[in-house]
Amino acid sequence: MNCERFWDVYCKQNADKPFKVVEIGSQNVNGTMRDIFPVKWSYTGLDYAEAEGVDIVLEDEYKFPLKSKSVDVVISSSCFEHSEMFWLTFLEGMRILKPHGLFYLNAPTKTLYHPYPQDCWRFWADAGRALAKWAQRNKMNTVLLESYMSDAVGGDGQNDFVAVFLK
């Protein structure tokens, strides 16, 4: 799983620290990433509706009720394709990140239409550079550490875009 790789490469060395993780789009629809992170890490799931895995229901999906520069790690998987304005979601995730915080993003490249509740976008190899540039234009010090395309779980020919950003 890509998020497990993210944990191993970028987070594992800090396992003993009391880090804060926020997941954007945390409804447990097809599994959860919560189990990848240590129990001692504070983990908050954000989503637009009450559901398993959701700690905070957002009144406005483009405004997170969290302080700026208060989170160590932001993660999101299979969520940005459902956001009408994912670029605003990305900026809000960057806003809540502390300096040197990490943002893990996983979004589909090839997959069937899946409205949950809507399906608006697909992400390709250049998306990481574009998102970093968008954040920089909005005066957020953002660097794309890596991005790649991977086979989705199950090897069904569906692909995922994965990117890791540093603030």
Protein backbone atom coordinates (compact mmCIF):
# COMPACT_ATOMS: atom_id res chain seq x y z
CA MET A 1 0.00 0.00 0.00
CA ASN A 2 1.29 3.46 -0.87
CA CYS A 3 0.50 4.99 2.52
CA GLU A 4 2.50 2.26 4.24
CA ARG A 5 5.44 3.18 2.01
CA PHE A 6 4.92 6.83 3.00
CA TRP A 7 5.03 5.78 6.66
CA ASP A 8 8.21 3.74 6.19
CA VAL A 9 10.09 6.40 4.20
CA TYR A 10 8.95 9.65 5.82
CA CYS A 11 7.41 9.02 9.23
CA LYS A 12 8.75 5.89 10.89
CA GLN A 13 11.86 7.62 12.27
CA ASN A 14 9.51 9.86 14.32
CA ALA A 15 7.36 7.04 15.72
CA ASP A 16 8.28 7.93 19.30
CA LYS A 17 7.25 11.60 18.96
CA PRO A 18 3.71 12.85 19.73
CA PHE A 19 2.83 13.87 16.16
CA LYS A 20 -0.57 15.01 14.93
CA VAL A 21 -2.09 13.47 11.79
CA VAL A 22 -5.15 14.76 9.95
CA GLU A 23 -6.86 12.69 7.28
CA ILE A 24 -8.92 14.52 4.67
CA GLY A 25 -11.79 12.32 3.51
CA SER A 26 -11.64 9.86 6.38
CA GLN A 27 -14.87 7.89 5.91
CA ASN A 28 -14.00 4.22 6.17
CA VAL A 29 -15.46 3.14 2.83
CA ASN A 30 -12.76 0.70 1.62
CA GLY A 31 -10.50 0.51 4.65
CA THR A 32 -8.64 3.07 6.71
CA MET A 33 -5.13 4.48 6.92
CA ARG A 34 -5.56 5.15 10.65
CA ASP A 35 -4.00 1.78 11.56
CA ILE A 36 -0.72 2.66 9.80
CA PHE A 37 0.15 5.36 12.35
CA PRO A 38 1.14 4.78 16.00
CA VAL A 39 -1.63 4.89 18.59
CA LYS A 40 0.36 7.55 20.48
CA TRP A 41 0.02 9.89 17.47
CA SER A 42 -3.06 12.09 17.56
CA TYR A 43 -5.21 11.16 14.54
CA THR A 44 -8.17 13.25 13.38
CA GLY A 45 -10.40 12.28 10.49
CA LEU A 46 -12.22 15.01 8.55
CA ASP A 47 -15.14 14.47 6.19
CA TYR A 48 -18.40 16.07 5.06
CA ALA A 49 -20.72 13.51 6.73
CA GLU A 50 -20.91 11.45 9.88
CA ALA A 51 -19.53 7.98 9.28
CA GLU A 52 -17.09 5.44 10.65
CA GLY A 53 -13.62 7.01 10.79
CA VAL A 54 -14.88 10.61 10.89
CA ASP A 55 -13.94 12.64 13.96
CA ILE A 56 -14.93 16.09 12.65
CA VAL A 57 -17.82 16.67 10.24
CA LEU A 58 -16.99 19.68 8.11
CA GLU A 59 -19.58 22.43 7.74
CA ASP A 60 -17.59 23.73 4.76
CA GLU A 61 -15.40 21.18 3.00
CA TYR A 62 -12.94 23.91 2.06
CA LYS A 63 -12.43 25.26 5.60
CA PHE A 64 -11.00 22.99 8.26
CA PRO A 65 -11.81 23.94 11.89
CA LEU A 66 -8.15 23.56 12.89
CA LYS A 67 -5.48 26.11 13.71
CA SER A 68 -2.92 27.11 11.10
CA LYS A 69 0.46 25.37 11.48
CA SER A 70 -0.90 22.89 14.04
CA VAL A 71 -0.49 19.50 12.30
CA ASP A 72 2.60 17.40 11.52
CA VAL A 73 1.15 15.14 8.79
CA VAL A 74 -1.84 15.53 6.46
CA ILE A 75 -2.96 12.52 4.45
CA SER A 76 -5.67 11.96 1.87
CA SER A 77 -6.44 8.94 -0.24
CA SER A 78 -9.21 8.50 -2.81
CA CYS A 79 -10.82 11.77 -1.81
CA PHE A 80 -9.61 14.59 -4.07
CA GLU A 81 -11.39 13.19 -7.12
CA HIS A 82 -14.68 13.79 -5.29
CA SER A 83 -13.94 17.43 -4.42
CA GLU A 84 -15.34 19.97 -6.88
CA MET A 85 -12.46 22.32 -6.02
CA PHE A 86 -9.63 20.05 -4.86
CA TRP A 87 -7.13 22.90 -5.18
CA LEU A 88 -8.88 24.65 -2.28
CA THR A 89 -8.81 21.44 -0.26
CA PHE A 90 -5.07 21.19 -0.92
CA LEU A 91 -4.44 24.77 0.24
CA GLU A 92 -6.43 24.16 3.41
CA GLY A 93 -4.37 21.05 4.11
CA MET A 94 -1.18 23.05 3.61
CA ARG A 95 -2.49 25.82 5.88
CA ILE A 96 -2.89 23.50 8.86
CA LEU A 97 0.56 21.91 8.36
CA LYS A 98 3.42 23.01 10.58
CA PRO A 99 6.63 24.13 8.86
CA HIS A 100 8.44 20.94 7.79
CA GLY A 101 5.11 19.09 7.87
CA LEU A 102 4.29 16.42 5.31
CA PHE A 103 1.28 16.05 3.02
CA TYR A 104 0.58 12.61 1.51
CA LEU A 105 -1.86 12.57 -1.41
CA ASN A 106 -3.20 9.54 -3.25
CA ALA A 107 -5.79 10.02 -6.00
CA PRO A 108 -6.90 7.89 -8.93
CA THR A 109 -5.57 8.19 -12.44
CA LYS A 110 -7.55 5.44 -14.10
CA THR A 111 -10.67 4.06 -12.48
CA LEU A 112 -14.32 3.62 -13.19
CA TYR A 113 -16.75 6.45 -12.50
CA HIS A 114 -17.64 6.25 -8.81
CA PRO A 115 -19.87 9.04 -7.54
CA TYR A 116 -19.58 9.09 -3.78
CA PRO A 117 -21.38 11.53 -3.86
CA GLN A 118 -19.77 12.88 -7.05
CA ASP A 119 -16.75 12.03 -9.19
CA CYS A 120 -15.09 15.10 -10.72
CA TRP A 121 -11.38 14.54 -11.45
CA ARG A 122 -8.47 12.25 -12.28
CA PHE A 123 -4.82 12.95 -11.46
CA TRP A 124 -1.81 12.37 -13.73
CA ALA A 125 1.96 12.58 -13.34
CA ASP A 126 2.13 16.39 -13.54
CA ALA A 127 -0.46 16.98 -10.81
CA GLY A 128 2.12 17.10 -8.01
CA ARG A 129 4.15 19.85 -9.64
CA ALA A 130 0.98 21.80 -10.41
CA LEU A 131 -0.28 21.56 -6.82
CA ALA A 132 3.08 22.65 -5.41
CA LYS A 133 3.11 25.60 -7.81
CA TRP A 134 -0.48 26.50 -6.82
CA ALA A 135 0.50 26.50 -3.13
CA GLN A 136 3.58 28.64 -3.84
CA ARG A 137 1.43 31.16 -5.79
CA ASN A 138 -0.71 31.34 -2.65
CA LYS A 139 2.35 32.17 -0.53
CA MET A 140 2.75 28.73 1.02
CA ASN A 141 6.28 27.41 1.11
CA THR A 142 5.64 24.03 -0.52
CA VAL A 143 8.01 21.53 -2.12
CA LEU A 144 7.09 18.38 -4.00
CA LEU A 145 9.33 15.67 -2.54
CA GLU A 146 8.17 12.91 -4.86
CA SER A 147 5.32 11.80 -7.07
CA TYR A 148 4.70 8.59 -8.92
CA MET A 149 2.05 6.44 -10.53
CA SER A 150 1.27 3.08 -8.98
CA ASP A 151 -1.03 0.16 -9.55
CA ALA A 152 -4.07 0.39 -7.34
CA VAL A 153 -4.66 -2.31 -4.77
CA GLY A 154 -5.85 -5.48 -6.47
CA GLY A 155 -3.89 -5.05 -9.71
CA ASP A 156 -7.12 -4.46 -11.64
CA GLY A 157 -5.56 -2.08 -14.17
CA GLN A 158 -6.66 0.96 -12.20
CA ASN A 159 -3.85 3.33 -11.32
CA ASP A 160 -3.19 5.83 -8.56
CA PHE A 161 -1.27 9.08 -8.50
CA VAL A 162 0.78 9.48 -5.31
CA ALA A 163 2.58 12.61 -4.14
CA VAL A 164 4.40 13.72 -1.01
CA PHE A 165 4.78 17.43 -0.26
CA LEU A 166 6.87 19.23 2.36
CA LYS A 167 5.85 22.56 3.82
